[in-house]
Amino acid sequence: MILVNTDYISGKELETLCLVKGSTIQSKNLGKDILQALKSLIGGELKAYNEMMDEARALATKRMVLEAEKLGSDGIVNIRYASSAIMQNAAEVIAYGTAVKFK
């Protein structure tokens, strides 16, 4: 499976299948939330939340790829990511793109 954020794959002629997506909603446990809230008072990187978002992006990408594989896709083009707050200390991450098959 080839994953790109461009609308083409070099050297390949593509047949468009459809939009595919994967998403997840993540939060950290109460202990981590309290520690990160204290850290935000003094400033600096909130590493636990960075890790959470990295995990969320990886899981959303994996789910998108699984959806594309079910369609017999050879790749996904125009991959994009979006995130939004669902509630305090919880975020949704969605990965989406166009599933394609090589001609």
PDB file of N, CA and C in Angstrom:
ATOM      1  N   MET A   1       0.862  -1.180   0.000  1.00  0.00           N
ATOM      2  CA  MET A   1       0.000   0.000   0.000  1.00  0.00           C
ATOM      3  C   MET A   1       0.897   1.228   0.000  1.00  0.00           C
ATOM      4  N   ILE A   2       0.700   2.073  -0.992  1.00  0.00           N
ATOM      5  CA  ILE A   2       1.453   3.320  -1.090  1.00  0.00           C
ATOM      6  C   ILE A   2       0.576   4.451  -0.553  1.00  0.00           C
ATOM      7  N   LEU A   3       1.120   5.230   0.372  1.00  0.00           N
ATOM      8  CA  LEU A   3       0.397   6.341   0.984  1.00  0.00           C
ATOM      9  C   LEU A   3       1.125   7.635   0.645  1.00  0.00           C
ATOM     10  N   VAL A   4       0.407   8.585   0.019  1.00  0.00           N
ATOM     11  CA  VAL A   4       1.016   9.869  -0.331  1.00  0.00           C
ATOM     12  C   VAL A   4       0.042  11.012  -0.061  1.00  0.00           C
ATOM     13  N   ASN A   5       0.600  12.203   0.120  1.00  0.00           N
ATOM     14  CA  ASN A   5      -0.263  13.374   0.308  1.00  0.00           C
ATOM     15  C   ASN A   5      -0.373  14.191  -0.972  1.00  0.00           C
ATOM     16  N   THR A   6       0.092  13.647  -2.091  1.00  0.00           N
ATOM     17  CA  THR A   6      -0.055  14.284  -3.394  1.00  0.00           C
ATOM     18  C   THR A   6      -1.235  13.649  -4.121  1.00  0.00           C
ATOM     19  N   ASP A   7      -1.638  14.220  -5.255  1.00  0.00           N
ATOM     20  CA  ASP A   7      -2.779  13.661  -5.983  1.00  0.00           C
ATOM     21  C   ASP A   7      -2.341  12.667  -7.063  1.00  0.00           C
ATOM     22  N   TYR A   8      -1.100  12.230  -7.011  1.00  0.00           N
ATOM     23  CA  TYR A   8      -0.579  11.262  -7.974  1.00  0.00           C
ATOM     24  C   TYR A   8       0.491  10.405  -7.301  1.00  0.00           C
ATOM     25  N   ILE A   9       0.830   9.300  -7.950  1.00  0.00           N
ATOM     26  CA  ILE A   9       1.950   8.459  -7.533  1.00  0.00           C
ATOM     27  C   ILE A   9       2.860   8.367  -8.753  1.00  0.00           C
ATOM     28  N   SER A  10       4.071   8.827  -8.614  1.00  0.00           N
ATOM     29  CA  SER A  10       5.001   8.895  -9.747  1.00  0.00           C
ATOM     30  C   SER A  10       5.093   7.558 -10.478  1.00  0.00           C
ATOM     31  N   GLY A  11       4.956   7.626 -11.797  1.00  0.00           N
ATOM     32  CA  GLY A  11       5.109   6.448 -12.634  1.00  0.00           C
ATOM     33  C   GLY A  11       3.919   5.516 -12.663  1.00  0.00           C
ATOM     34  N   LYS A  12       2.822   5.889 -12.022  1.00  0.00           N
ATOM     35  CA  LYS A  12       1.637   5.029 -11.961  1.00  0.00           C
ATOM     36  C   LYS A  12       0.443   5.735 -12.575  1.00  0.00           C
ATOM     37  N   GLU A  13      -0.335   4.979 -13.358  1.00  0.00           N
ATOM     38  CA  GLU A  13      -1.616   5.480 -13.842  1.00  0.00           C
ATOM     39  C   GLU A  13      -2.666   4.978 -12.860  1.00  0.00           C
ATOM     40  N   LEU A  14      -3.517   5.875 -12.388  1.00  0.00           N
ATOM     41  CA  LEU A  14      -4.422   5.554 -11.283  1.00  0.00           C
ATOM     42  C   LEU A  14      -5.883   5.504 -11.705  1.00  0.00           C
ATOM     43  N   GLU A  15      -6.588   4.589 -11.088  1.00  0.00           N
ATOM     44  CA  GLU A  15      -8.048   4.525 -11.187  1.00  0.00           C
ATOM     45  C   GLU A  15      -8.581   4.878  -9.795  1.00  0.00           C
ATOM     46  N   THR A  16      -9.412   5.896  -9.728  1.00  0.00           N
ATOM     47  CA  THR A  16      -9.963   6.327  -8.446  1.00  0.00           C
ATOM     48  C   THR A  16     -11.047   5.365  -7.986  1.00  0.00           C
ATOM     49  N   LEU A  17     -10.963   4.939  -6.724  1.00  0.00           N
ATOM     50  CA  LEU A  17     -11.997   4.075  -6.156  1.00  0.00           C
ATOM     51  C   LEU A  17     -13.001   4.907  -5.357  1.00  0.00           C
ATOM     52  N   CYS A  18     -12.589   5.431  -4.214  1.00  0.00           N
ATOM     53  CA  CYS A  18     -13.484   6.256  -3.399  1.00  0.00           C
ATOM     54  C   CYS A  18     -12.721   6.852  -2.222  1.00  0.00           C
ATOM     55  N   LEU A  19     -13.404   7.692  -1.483  1.00  0.00           N
ATOM     56  CA  LEU A  19     -12.854   8.277  -0.267  1.00  0.00           C
ATOM     57  C   LEU A  19     -12.767   7.199   0.800  1.00  0.00           C
ATOM     58  N   VAL A  20     -11.650   7.157   1.505  1.00  0.00           N
ATOM     59  CA  VAL A  20     -11.504   6.255   2.647  1.00  0.00           C
ATOM     60  C   VAL A  20     -11.086   7.096   3.841  1.00  0.00           C
ATOM     61  N   LYS A  21     -11.430   6.629   5.024  1.00  0.00           N
ATOM     62  CA  LYS A  21     -11.123   7.383   6.233  1.00  0.00           C
ATOM     63  C   LYS A  21     -10.936   6.448   7.401  1.00  0.00           C
ATOM     64  N   GLY A  22     -10.280   6.969   8.394  1.00  0.00           N
ATOM     65  CA  GLY A  22     -10.125   6.274   9.662  1.00  0.00           C
ATOM     66  C   GLY A  22     -10.105   7.323  10.744  1.00  0.00           C
ATOM     67  N   SER A  23     -10.669   6.998  11.896  1.00  0.00           N
ATOM     68  CA  SER A  23     -10.679   7.989  12.972  1.00  0.00           C
ATOM     69  C   SER A  23     -10.594   7.308  14.322  1.00  0.00           C
ATOM     70  N   THR A  24     -10.277   8.110  15.310  1.00  0.00           N
ATOM     71  CA  THR A  24     -10.235   7.651  16.689  1.00  0.00           C
ATOM     72  C   THR A  24     -10.445   8.856  17.601  1.00  0.00           C
ATOM     73  N   ILE A  25     -10.918   8.584  18.785  1.00  0.00           N
ATOM     74  CA  ILE A  25     -11.034   9.611  19.825  1.00  0.00           C
ATOM     75  C   ILE A  25     -10.171   9.146  20.984  1.00  0.00           C
ATOM     76  N   GLN A  26      -9.254   9.995  21.401  1.00  0.00           N
ATOM     77  CA  GLN A  26      -8.282   9.626  22.429  1.00  0.00           C
ATOM     78  C   GLN A  26      -8.345  10.594  23.603  1.00  0.00           C
ATOM     79  N   SER A  27      -7.998  10.062  24.773  1.00  0.00           N
ATOM     80  CA  SER A  27      -7.810  10.902  25.954  1.00  0.00           C
ATOM     81  C   SER A  27      -6.746  10.243  26.821  1.00  0.00           C
ATOM     82  N   LYS A  28      -6.210  10.988  27.734  1.00  0.00           N
ATOM     83  CA  LYS A  28      -5.243  10.450  28.684  1.00  0.00           C
ATOM     84  C   LYS A  28      -5.962  10.202  30.003  1.00  0.00           C
ATOM     85  N   ASN A  29      -5.345   9.380  30.843  1.00  0.00           N
ATOM     86  CA  ASN A  29      -5.977   9.087  32.134  1.00  0.00           C
ATOM     87  C   ASN A  29      -5.912  10.308  33.054  1.00  0.00           C
ATOM     88  N   LEU A  30      -6.683  10.273  34.096  1.00  0.00           N
ATOM     89  CA  LEU A  30      -6.815  11.410  35.005  1.00  0.00           C
ATOM     90  C   LEU A  30      -5.473  11.848  35.570  1.00  0.00           C
ATOM     91  N   GLY A  31      -4.620  10.912  35.938  1.00  0.00           N
ATOM     92  CA  GLY A  31      -3.307  11.246  36.485  1.00  0.00           C
ATOM     93  C   GLY A  31      -2.476  12.053  35.498  1.00  0.00           C
ATOM     94  N   LYS A  32      -2.450  11.609  34.246  1.00  0.00           N
ATOM     95  CA  LYS A  32      -1.695  12.333  33.215  1.00  0.00           C
ATOM     96  C   LYS A  32      -2.318  13.703  32.964  1.00  0.00           C
ATOM     97  N   ASP A  33      -3.658  13.782  32.972  1.00  0.00           N
ATOM     98  CA  ASP A  33      -4.322  15.072  32.770  1.00  0.00           C
ATOM     99  C   ASP A  33      -3.921  16.075  33.849  1.00  0.00           C
ATOM    100  N   ILE A  34      -3.874  15.625  35.086  1.00  0.00           N
ATOM    101  CA  ILE A  34      -3.500  16.518  36.197  1.00  0.00           C
ATOM    102  C   ILE A  34      -2.056  16.982  36.041  1.00  0.00           C
ATOM    103  N   LEU A  35      -1.154  16.047  35.717  1.00  0.00           N
ATOM    104  CA  LEU A  35       0.253  16.411  35.536  1.00  0.00           C
ATOM    105  C   LEU A  35       0.430  17.387  34.368  1.00  0.00           C
ATOM    106  N   GLN A  36      -0.293  17.161  33.285  1.00  0.00           N
ATOM    107  CA  GLN A  36      -0.179  18.053  32.131  1.00  0.00           C
ATOM    108  C   GLN A  36      -0.778  19.423  32.432  1.00  0.00           C
ATOM    109  N   ALA A  37      -1.843  19.461  33.224  1.00  0.00           N
ATOM    110  CA  ALA A  37      -2.425  20.750  33.609  1.00  0.00           C
ATOM    111  C   ALA A  37      -1.431  21.551  34.445  1.00  0.00           C
ATOM    112  N   LEU A  38      -0.726  20.891  35.349  1.00  0.00           N
ATOM    113  CA  LEU A  38       0.294  21.572  36.152  1.00  0.00           C
ATOM    114  C   LEU A  38       1.440  22.065  35.258  1.00  0.00           C
ATOM    115  N   LYS A  39       1.829  21.228  34.302  1.00  0.00           N
ATOM    116  CA  LYS A  39       2.903  21.598  33.378  1.00  0.00           C
ATOM    117  C   LYS A  39       2.503  22.823  32.550  1.00  0.00           C
ATOM    118  N   SER A  40       1.232  22.905  32.191  1.00  0.00           N
ATOM    119  CA  SER A  40       0.782  24.037  31.376  1.00  0.00           C
ATOM    120  C   SER A  40       0.871  25.362  32.139  1.00  0.00           C
ATOM    121  N   LEU A  41       0.876  25.305  33.458  1.00  0.00           N
ATOM    122  CA  LEU A  41       0.998  26.520  34.264  1.00  0.00           C
ATOM    123  C   LEU A  41       2.398  27.133  34.151  1.00  0.00           C
ATOM    124  N   ILE A  42       3.407  26.269  34.030  1.00  0.00           N
ATOM    125  CA  ILE A  42       4.783  26.773  33.965  1.00  0.00           C
ATOM    126  C   ILE A  42       5.304  26.855  32.531  1.00  0.00           C
ATOM    127  N   GLY A  43       4.575  26.273  31.606  1.00  0.00           N
ATOM    128  CA  GLY A  43       4.964  26.326  30.198  1.00  0.00           C
ATOM    129  C   GLY A  43       5.832  25.152  29.793  1.00  0.00           C
ATOM    130  N   GLY A  44       5.982  25.002  28.520  1.00  0.00           N
ATOM    131  CA  GLY A  44       6.811  23.926  27.985  1.00  0.00           C
ATOM    132  C   GLY A  44       5.968  22.898  27.237  1.00  0.00           C
ATOM    133  N   GLU A  45       6.659  21.933  26.705  1.00  0.00           N
ATOM    134  CA  GLU A  45       6.011  20.889  25.903  1.00  0.00           C
ATOM    135  C   GLU A  45       5.210  19.931  26.781  1.00  0.00           C
ATOM    136  N   LEU A  46       4.007  19.617  26.342  1.00  0.00           N
ATOM    137  CA  LEU A  46       3.147  18.665  27.044  1.00  0.00           C
ATOM    138  C   LEU A  46       3.336  17.299  26.396  1.00  0.00           C
ATOM    139  N   LYS A  47       4.382  16.589  26.823  1.00  0.00           N
ATOM    140  CA  LYS A  47       4.814  15.362  26.157  1.00  0.00           C
ATOM    141  C   LYS A  47       3.758  14.267  26.155  1.00  0.00           C
ATOM    142  N   ALA A  48       3.007  14.139  27.228  1.00  0.00           N
ATOM    143  CA  ALA A  48       1.978  13.098  27.280  1.00  0.00           C
ATOM    144  C   ALA A  48       0.913  13.334  26.209  1.00  0.00           C
ATOM    145  N   TYR A  49       0.585  14.587  25.944  1.00  0.00           N
ATOM    146  CA  TYR A  49      -0.402  14.890  24.909  1.00  0.00           C
ATOM    147  C   TYR A  49       0.197  14.718  23.505  1.00  0.00           C
ATOM    148  N   ASN A  50       1.485  15.023  23.360  1.00  0.00           N
ATOM    149  CA  ASN A  50       2.145  14.744  22.081  1.00  0.00           C
ATOM    150  C   ASN A  50       2.089  13.252  21.771  1.00  0.00           C
ATOM    151  N   GLU A  51       2.403  12.442  22.771  1.00  0.00           N
ATOM    152  CA  GLU A  51       2.353  10.979  22.599  1.00  0.00           C
ATOM    153  C   GLU A  51       0.943  10.527  22.260  1.00  0.00           C
ATOM    154  N   MET A  52      -0.042  11.098  22.931  1.00  0.00           N
ATOM    155  CA  MET A  52      -1.429  10.740  22.677  1.00  0.00           C
ATOM    156  C   MET A  52      -1.809  11.051  21.233  1.00  0.00           C
ATOM    157  N   MET A  53      -1.428  12.220  20.741  1.00  0.00           N
ATOM    158  CA  MET A  53      -1.771  12.599  19.374  1.00  0.00           C
ATOM    159  C   MET A  53      -1.012  11.761  18.349  1.00  0.00           C
ATOM    160  N   ASP A  54       0.237  11.407  18.635  1.00  0.00           N
ATOM    161  CA  ASP A  54       0.985  10.515  17.743  1.00  0.00           C
ATOM    162  C   ASP A  54       0.290   9.157  17.638  1.00  0.00           C
ATOM    163  N   GLU A  55      -0.123   8.627  18.786  1.00  0.00           N
ATOM    164  CA  GLU A  55      -0.842   7.345  18.805  1.00  0.00           C
ATOM    165  C   GLU A  55      -2.160   7.456  18.042  1.00  0.00           C
ATOM    166  N   ALA A  56      -2.853   8.552  18.222  1.00  0.00           N
ATOM    167  CA  ALA A  56      -4.142   8.751  17.556  1.00  0.00           C
ATOM    168  C   ALA A  56      -3.962   8.829  16.041  1.00  0.00           C
ATOM    169  N   ARG A  57      -2.954   9.566  15.576  1.00  0.00           N
ATOM    170  CA  ARG A  57      -2.701   9.656  14.132  1.00  0.00           C
ATOM    171  C   ARG A  57      -2.351   8.288  13.554  1.00  0.00           C
ATOM    172  N   ALA A  58      -1.525   7.529  14.268  1.00  0.00           N
ATOM    173  CA  ALA A  58      -1.139   6.190  13.791  1.00  0.00           C
ATOM    174  C   ALA A  58      -2.357   5.267  13.712  1.00  0.00           C
ATOM    175  N   LEU A  59      -3.223   5.312  14.706  1.00  0.00           N
ATOM    176  CA  LEU A  59      -4.414   4.464  14.711  1.00  0.00           C
ATOM    177  C   LEU A  59      -5.390   4.882  13.620  1.00  0.00           C
ATOM    178  N   ALA A  60      -5.588   6.180  13.437  1.00  0.00           N
ATOM    179  CA  ALA A  60      -6.480   6.669  12.377  1.00  0.00           C
ATOM    180  C   ALA A  60      -5.954   6.255  11.003  1.00  0.00           C
ATOM    181  N   THR A  61      -4.632   6.353  10.809  1.00  0.00           N
ATOM    182  CA  THR A  61      -4.024   5.942   9.540  1.00  0.00           C
ATOM    183  C   THR A  61      -4.222   4.450   9.311  1.00  0.00           C
ATOM    184  N   LYS A  62      -4.003   3.656  10.340  1.00  0.00           N
ATOM    185  CA  LYS A  62      -4.176   2.200  10.235  1.00  0.00           C
ATOM    186  C   LYS A  62      -5.607   1.852   9.833  1.00  0.00           C
ATOM    187  N   ARG A  63      -6.575   2.511  10.443  1.00  0.00           N
ATOM    188  CA  ARG A  63      -7.987   2.245  10.121  1.00  0.00           C
ATOM    189  C   ARG A  63      -8.326   2.674   8.696  1.00  0.00           C
ATOM    190  N   MET A  64      -7.736   3.772   8.232  1.00  0.00           N
ATOM    191  CA  MET A  64      -7.942   4.220   6.863  1.00  0.00           C
ATOM    192  C   MET A  64      -7.377   3.184   5.885  1.00  0.00           C
ATOM    193  N   VAL A  65      -6.188   2.689   6.170  1.00  0.00           N
ATOM    194  CA  VAL A  65      -5.550   1.692   5.306  1.00  0.00           C
ATOM    195  C   VAL A  65      -6.378   0.410   5.270  1.00  0.00           C
ATOM    196  N   LEU A  66      -6.890  -0.017   6.400  1.00  0.00           N
ATOM    197  CA  LEU A  66      -7.727  -1.228   6.437  1.00  0.00           C
ATOM    198  C   LEU A  66      -8.970  -1.069   5.565  1.00  0.00           C
ATOM    199  N   GLU A  67      -9.581   0.114   5.603  1.00  0.00           N
ATOM    200  CA  GLU A  67     -10.752   0.374   4.764  1.00  0.00           C
ATOM    201  C   GLU A  67     -10.367   0.311   3.285  1.00  0.00           C
ATOM    202  N   ALA A  68      -9.215   0.863   2.932  1.00  0.00           N
ATOM    203  CA  ALA A  68      -8.750   0.842   1.540  1.00  0.00           C
ATOM    204  C   ALA A  68      -8.426  -0.580   1.090  1.00  0.00           C
ATOM    205  N   GLU A  69      -7.821  -1.368   1.966  1.00  0.00           N
ATOM    206  CA  GLU A  69      -7.488  -2.756   1.624  1.00  0.00           C
ATOM    207  C   GLU A  69      -8.733  -3.576   1.332  1.00  0.00           C
ATOM    208  N   LYS A  70      -9.811  -3.316   2.059  1.00  0.00           N
ATOM    209  CA  LYS A  70     -11.070  -4.031   1.811  1.00  0.00           C
ATOM    210  C   LYS A  70     -11.599  -3.764   0.402  1.00  0.00           C
ATOM    211  N   LEU A  71     -11.238  -2.619  -0.160  1.00  0.00           N
ATOM    212  CA  LEU A  71     -11.671  -2.254  -1.513  1.00  0.00           C
ATOM    213  C   LEU A  71     -10.719  -2.779  -2.590  1.00  0.00           C
ATOM    214  N   GLY A  72      -9.616  -3.412  -2.174  1.00  0.00           N
ATOM    215  CA  GLY A  72      -8.621  -3.877  -3.124  1.00  0.00           C
ATOM    216  C   GLY A  72      -7.717  -2.771  -3.627  1.00  0.00           C
ATOM    217  N   SER A  73      -7.584  -1.723  -2.864  1.00  0.00           N
ATOM    218  CA  SER A  73      -6.798  -0.557  -3.247  1.00  0.00           C
ATOM    219  C   SER A  73      -5.299  -0.867  -3.244  1.00  0.00           C
ATOM    220  N   ASP A  74      -4.574  -0.221  -4.161  1.00  0.00           N
ATOM    221  CA  ASP A  74      -3.113  -0.324  -4.196  1.00  0.00           C
ATOM    222  C   ASP A  74      -2.449   0.838  -3.479  1.00  0.00           C
ATOM    223  N   GLY A  75      -3.197   1.904  -3.247  1.00  0.00           N
ATOM    224  CA  GLY A  75      -2.631   3.077  -2.601  1.00  0.00           C
ATOM    225  C   GLY A  75      -3.707   4.063  -2.188  1.00  0.00           C
ATOM    226  N   ILE A  76      -3.263   5.084  -1.469  1.00  0.00           N
ATOM    227  CA  ILE A  76      -4.153   6.169  -1.060  1.00  0.00           C
ATOM    228  C   ILE A  76      -3.437   7.473  -1.382  1.00  0.00           C
ATOM    229  N   VAL A  77      -4.114   8.349  -2.120  1.00  0.00           N
ATOM    230  CA  VAL A  77      -3.541   9.650  -2.483  1.00  0.00           C
ATOM    231  C   VAL A  77      -4.300  10.762  -1.755  1.00  0.00           C
ATOM    232  N   ASN A  78      -3.696  11.942  -1.752  1.00  0.00           N
ATOM    233  CA  ASN A  78      -4.302  13.122  -1.112  1.00  0.00           C
ATOM    234  C   ASN A  78      -4.629  12.893   0.363  1.00  0.00           C
ATOM    235  N   ILE A  79      -3.758  12.237   1.077  1.00  0.00           N
ATOM    236  CA  ILE A  79      -4.010  11.957   2.497  1.00  0.00           C
ATOM    237  C   ILE A  79      -3.944  13.255   3.291  1.00  0.00           C
ATOM    238  N   ARG A  80      -4.931  13.422   4.140  1.00  0.00           N
ATOM    239  CA  ARG A  80      -5.016  14.596   5.008  1.00  0.00           C
ATOM    240  C   ARG A  80      -5.378  14.142   6.422  1.00  0.00           C
ATOM    241  N   TYR A  81      -5.049  14.972   7.381  1.00  0.00           N
ATOM    242  CA  TYR A  81      -5.390  14.725   8.781  1.00  0.00           C
ATOM    243  C   TYR A  81      -6.134  15.932   9.330  1.00  0.00           C
ATOM    244  N   ALA A  82      -7.057  15.683  10.214  1.00  0.00           N
ATOM    245  CA  ALA A  82      -7.764  16.756  10.911  1.00  0.00           C
ATOM    246  C   ALA A  82      -7.983  16.308  12.349  1.00  0.00           C
ATOM    247  N   SER A  83      -8.054  17.268  13.238  1.00  0.00           N
ATOM    248  CA  SER A  83      -8.338  16.939  14.639  1.00  0.00           C
ATOM    249  C   SER A  83      -9.285  17.973  15.209  1.00  0.00           C
ATOM    250  N   SER A  84     -10.004  17.550  16.220  1.00  0.00           N
ATOM    251  CA  SER A  84     -10.910  18.474  16.891  1.00  0.00           C
ATOM    252  C   SER A  84     -11.119  17.999  18.322  1.00  0.00           C
ATOM    253  N   ALA A  85     -11.412  18.948  19.183  1.00  0.00           N
ATOM    254  CA  ALA A  85     -11.712  18.621  20.575  1.00  0.00           C
ATOM    255  C   ALA A  85     -13.145  18.119  20.657  1.00  0.00           C
ATOM    256  N   ILE A  86     -13.326  16.994  21.280  1.00  0.00           N
ATOM    257  CA  ILE A  86     -14.659  16.411  21.460  1.00  0.00           C
ATOM    258  C   ILE A  86     -15.235  16.856  22.801  1.00  0.00           C
ATOM    259  N   MET A  87     -14.381  16.857  23.792  1.00  0.00           N
ATOM    260  CA  MET A  87     -14.715  17.327  25.130  1.00  0.00           C
ATOM    261  C   MET A  87     -13.396  17.714  25.780  1.00  0.00           C
ATOM    262  N   GLN A  88     -13.440  18.227  26.968  1.00  0.00           N
ATOM    263  CA  GLN A  88     -12.200  18.618  27.627  1.00  0.00           C
ATOM    264  C   GLN A  88     -11.289  17.396  27.759  1.00  0.00           C
ATOM    265  N   ASN A  89     -10.050  17.531  27.314  1.00  0.00           N
ATOM    266  CA  ASN A  89      -9.024  16.495  27.402  1.00  0.00           C
ATOM    267  C   ASN A  89      -9.281  15.272  26.514  1.00  0.00           C
ATOM    268  N   ALA A  90     -10.112  15.402  25.491  1.00  0.00           N
ATOM    269  CA  ALA A  90     -10.319  14.321  24.520  1.00  0.00           C
ATOM    270  C   ALA A  90     -10.327  14.927  23.120  1.00  0.00           C
ATOM    271  N   ALA A  91      -9.647  14.255  22.213  1.00  0.00           N
ATOM    272  CA  ALA A  91      -9.542  14.766  20.848  1.00  0.00           C
ATOM    273  C   ALA A  91      -9.840  13.662  19.843  1.00  0.00           C
ATOM    274  N   GLU A  92     -10.493  14.063  18.756  1.00  0.00           N
ATOM    275  CA  GLU A  92     -10.707  13.153  17.636  1.00  0.00           C
ATOM    276  C   GLU A  92      -9.661  13.464  16.581  1.00  0.00           C
ATOM    277  N   VAL A  93      -9.104  12.419  16.008  1.00  0.00           N
ATOM    278  CA  VAL A  93      -8.205  12.561  14.871  1.00  0.00           C
ATOM    279  C   VAL A  93      -8.802  11.740  13.739  1.00  0.00           C
ATOM    280  N   ILE A  94      -8.883  12.338  12.558  1.00  0.00           N
ATOM    281  CA  ILE A  94      -9.373  11.633  11.378  1.00  0.00           C
ATOM    282  C   ILE A  94      -8.317  11.724  10.287  1.00  0.00           C
ATOM    283  N   ALA A  95      -8.090  10.602   9.631  1.00  0.00           N
ATOM    284  CA  ALA A  95      -7.216  10.538   8.465  1.00  0.00           C
ATOM    285  C   ALA A  95      -8.107  10.186   7.282  1.00  0.00           C
ATOM    286  N   TYR A  96      -7.925  10.894   6.163  1.00  0.00           N
ATOM    287  CA  TYR A  96      -8.758  10.578   5.004  1.00  0.00           C
ATOM    288  C   TYR A  96      -7.977  10.815   3.720  1.00  0.00           C
ATOM    289  N   GLY A  97      -8.385  10.115   2.680  1.00  0.00           N
ATOM    290  CA  GLY A  97      -7.730  10.242   1.392  1.00  0.00           C
ATOM    291  C   GLY A  97      -8.541   9.501   0.337  1.00  0.00           C
ATOM    292  N   THR A  98      -8.011   9.431  -0.862  1.00  0.00           N
ATOM    293  CA  THR A  98      -8.683   8.779  -1.980  1.00  0.00           C
ATOM    294  C   THR A  98      -8.001   7.447  -2.266  1.00  0.00           C
ATOM    295  N   ALA A  99      -8.761   6.369  -2.161  1.00  0.00           N
ATOM    296  CA  ALA A  99      -8.232   5.039  -2.483  1.00  0.00           C
ATOM    297  C   ALA A  99      -8.121   4.918  -3.997  1.00  0.00           C
ATOM    298  N   VAL A 100      -6.996   4.362  -4.455  1.00  0.00           N
ATOM    299  CA  VAL A 100      -6.753   4.202  -5.880  1.00  0.00           C
ATOM    300  C   VAL A 100      -6.254   2.795  -6.189  1.00  0.00           C
ATOM    301  N   LYS A 101      -6.462   2.404  -7.421  1.00  0.00           N
ATOM    302  CA  LYS A 101      -5.959   1.138  -7.936  1.00  0.00           C
ATOM    303  C   LYS A 101      -5.070   1.463  -9.113  1.00  0.00           C
ATOM    304  N   PHE A 102      -3.977   0.717  -9.277  1.00  0.00           N
ATOM    305  CA  PHE A 102      -3.092   0.929 -10.423  1.00  0.00           C
ATOM    306  C   PHE A 102      -3.710   0.317 -11.661  1.00  0.00           C
ATOM    307  N   LYS A 103      -3.604   1.045 -12.799  1.00  0.00           N
ATOM    308  CA  LYS A 103      -4.130   0.524 -14.072  1.00  0.00           C
ATOM    309  C   LYS A 103      -3.100  -0.370 -14.717  1.00  0.00           C
TER     310      LYS A 103
END
